[in-house]
């Protein structure tokens, strides 16, 4: 099999998904309260960074709280980590945030080594903004009183 043919047969290195689908937020939900999840699986090499960054920026148009779900990532090229740090800084400057769900110890170690304490990780997308939800609910209660 030629090299050209083998590349065409090979499965993609990374697969991305964005939930919820881009579109208008529910009425009454502010940008900084809305949450979106960018799920990725497979190997993340340098070529996948652009697609991930684009997908995160697209999600950030509709939601201020973004979860990058890397639980099914098997390899992460550390060259892409600075882009994630930059994206988180941009979101935080606007009142949002980026959290990363990761289970693979290898991937978690790469994130920690390449970003220092700049990225926040969690084990599950559902727990990514738990403390943020509590503070938003508390703020709404205080406003009503």
Protein backbone atom coordinates (compact mmCIF):
# COMPACT_ATOMS: atom_id res chain seq x y z
CA UNK A 1 0.00 0.00 0.00
CA UNK A 2 1.44 3.38 -0.93
CA UNK A 3 1.97 6.16 1.61
CA UNK A 4 -0.76 8.24 -0.03
CA UNK A 5 -3.27 5.38 0.23
CA UNK A 6 -2.38 4.58 3.84
CA UNK A 7 -3.01 8.21 4.87
CA UNK A 8 -6.46 8.13 3.28
CA UNK A 9 -7.38 4.94 5.17
CA UNK A 10 -6.07 6.09 8.56
CA UNK A 11 -8.67 7.33 11.03
CA UNK A 12 -8.60 11.00 12.06
CA UNK A 13 -6.32 11.81 14.96
CA UNK A 14 -8.85 13.90 16.85
CA UNK A 15 -12.64 14.15 16.81
CA UNK A 16 -14.39 17.30 18.10
CA UNK A 17 -17.95 17.96 19.22
CA UNK A 18 -19.62 21.10 20.59
CA UNK A 19 -22.64 20.97 22.89
CA UNK A 20 -25.03 22.64 22.97
CA UNK A 21 -25.08 23.45 19.29
CA UNK A 22 -24.29 27.10 18.54
CA UNK A 23 -27.31 29.35 18.65
CA UNK A 24 -29.20 31.76 20.86
CA UNK A 25 -29.09 31.27 24.62
CA UNK A 26 -32.20 30.55 26.63
CA UNK A 27 -33.96 33.77 27.56
CA UNK A 28 -32.78 35.20 30.84
CA UNK A 29 -29.43 33.40 30.75
CA UNK A 30 -26.52 35.79 30.64
CA UNK A 31 -23.35 35.08 28.64
CA UNK A 32 -21.21 34.52 31.74
CA UNK A 33 -23.78 32.02 33.12
CA UNK A 34 -24.18 29.95 29.93
CA UNK A 35 -22.03 26.84 29.59
CA UNK A 36 -20.81 24.90 26.56
CA UNK A 37 -18.74 21.74 26.32
CA UNK A 38 -16.14 21.05 23.65
CA UNK A 39 -15.51 17.30 23.65
CA UNK A 40 -12.39 15.87 22.07
CA UNK A 41 -11.21 12.30 21.68
CA UNK A 42 -8.16 10.70 20.16
CA UNK A 43 -4.63 12.05 19.76
CA UNK A 44 -4.11 15.80 19.92
CA UNK A 45 -1.14 16.78 17.84
CA UNK A 46 -0.14 20.22 16.55
CA UNK A 47 -2.55 19.97 13.63
CA UNK A 48 -5.53 19.51 15.97
CA UNK A 49 -4.80 22.69 17.94
CA UNK A 50 -6.27 25.03 15.33
CA UNK A 51 -9.53 23.10 15.19
CA UNK A 52 -9.82 22.97 18.98
CA UNK A 53 -9.04 26.68 19.34
CA UNK A 54 -11.59 27.55 16.64
CA UNK A 55 -14.25 25.39 18.29
CA UNK A 56 -13.60 26.95 21.71
CA UNK A 57 -13.79 30.45 20.21
CA UNK A 58 -17.07 29.51 18.49
CA UNK A 59 -18.48 28.19 21.75
CA UNK A 60 -17.38 31.41 23.51
CA UNK A 61 -19.68 33.44 21.26
CA UNK A 62 -22.69 31.97 23.04
CA UNK A 63 -21.35 30.89 26.43
CA UNK A 64 -18.89 32.32 28.92
CA UNK A 65 -18.18 29.07 30.71
CA UNK A 66 -16.46 26.57 28.46
CA UNK A 67 -15.52 23.01 29.42
CA UNK A 68 -12.88 21.36 27.26
CA UNK A 69 -13.59 17.66 27.74
CA UNK A 70 -10.35 15.75 27.21
CA UNK A 71 -11.41 12.59 29.05
CA UNK A 72 -11.05 10.49 25.89
CA UNK A 73 -7.76 12.01 24.75
CA UNK A 74 -4.89 9.53 24.62
CA UNK A 75 -2.06 11.90 23.63
CA UNK A 76 -1.58 15.64 23.93
CA UNK A 77 1.18 17.60 22.21
CA UNK A 78 2.41 20.16 24.73
CA UNK A 79 2.87 22.69 21.90
CA UNK A 80 -0.88 23.31 21.98
CA UNK A 81 -1.14 24.10 25.69
CA UNK A 82 -0.12 27.80 25.43
CA UNK A 83 -3.08 28.37 23.08
CA UNK A 84 -5.41 26.96 25.77
CA UNK A 85 -3.84 29.24 28.39
CA UNK A 86 -4.32 32.23 26.07
CA UNK A 87 -7.95 31.31 25.38
CA UNK A 88 -8.64 30.99 29.13
CA UNK A 89 -7.08 34.42 29.75
CA UNK A 90 -9.31 35.94 27.07
CA UNK A 91 -12.43 34.35 28.55
CA UNK A 92 -11.53 35.43 32.10
CA UNK A 93 -10.97 39.02 30.91
CA UNK A 94 -14.57 39.01 29.64
CA UNK A 95 -16.02 37.43 32.80
CA UNK A 96 -16.02 33.81 31.57
CA UNK A 97 -13.69 30.87 32.12
CA UNK A 98 -12.29 27.70 30.59
CA UNK A 99 -12.04 24.48 32.57
CA UNK A 100 -10.58 21.20 31.37
CA UNK A 101 -12.01 17.78 32.21
CA UNK A 102 -9.27 15.15 32.08
CA UNK A 103 -8.88 11.61 33.41
CA UNK A 104 -5.74 10.34 31.71
CA UNK A 105 -2.82 10.96 34.13
CA UNK A 106 -0.43 11.36 31.19
CA UNK A 107 -2.55 14.11 29.64
CA UNK A 108 -3.10 15.79 33.04
CA UNK A 109 0.65 15.84 33.65
CA UNK A 110 1.35 17.45 30.27
CA UNK A 111 -1.28 20.12 30.97
CA UNK A 112 0.20 20.83 34.40
CA UNK A 113 3.81 20.93 33.23
CA UNK A 114 3.12 23.10 30.18
CA UNK A 115 0.73 25.55 31.85
CA UNK A 116 1.87 25.73 35.48
CA UNK A 117 -1.19 26.79 37.45
CA UNK A 118 -2.80 28.67 34.55
CA UNK A 119 -5.31 25.94 33.64
CA UNK A 120 -7.92 24.47 35.96
CA UNK A 121 -8.70 20.79 35.55
CA UNK A 122 -11.43 18.56 36.89
CA UNK A 123 -12.38 14.91 36.49
CA UNK A 124 -15.82 15.44 34.96
CA UNK A 125 -17.49 18.18 32.87
CA UNK A 126 -20.44 18.19 35.28
CA UNK A 127 -18.21 19.28 38.17
CA UNK A 128 -16.26 21.88 36.18
CA UNK A 129 -18.37 24.83 37.27
CA UNK A 130 -20.12 23.45 40.36
CA UNK A 131 -18.78 26.20 42.62
CA UNK A 132 -19.64 28.79 39.95
CA UNK A 133 -23.25 27.56 39.84
CA UNK A 134 -23.49 27.84 43.61
CA UNK A 135 -22.22 31.44 43.54
CA UNK A 136 -24.60 32.40 40.67
CA UNK A 137 -27.60 30.96 42.54
CA UNK A 138 -26.51 32.76 45.73
CA UNK A 139 -26.19 36.05 43.82
CA UNK A 140 -29.71 35.64 42.39
CA UNK A 141 -31.11 34.96 45.87
CA UNK A 142 -29.37 38.09 47.27
CA UNK A 143 -30.80 40.23 44.44
CA UNK A 144 -34.34 39.05 45.18
CA UNK A 145 -34.05 39.89 48.89
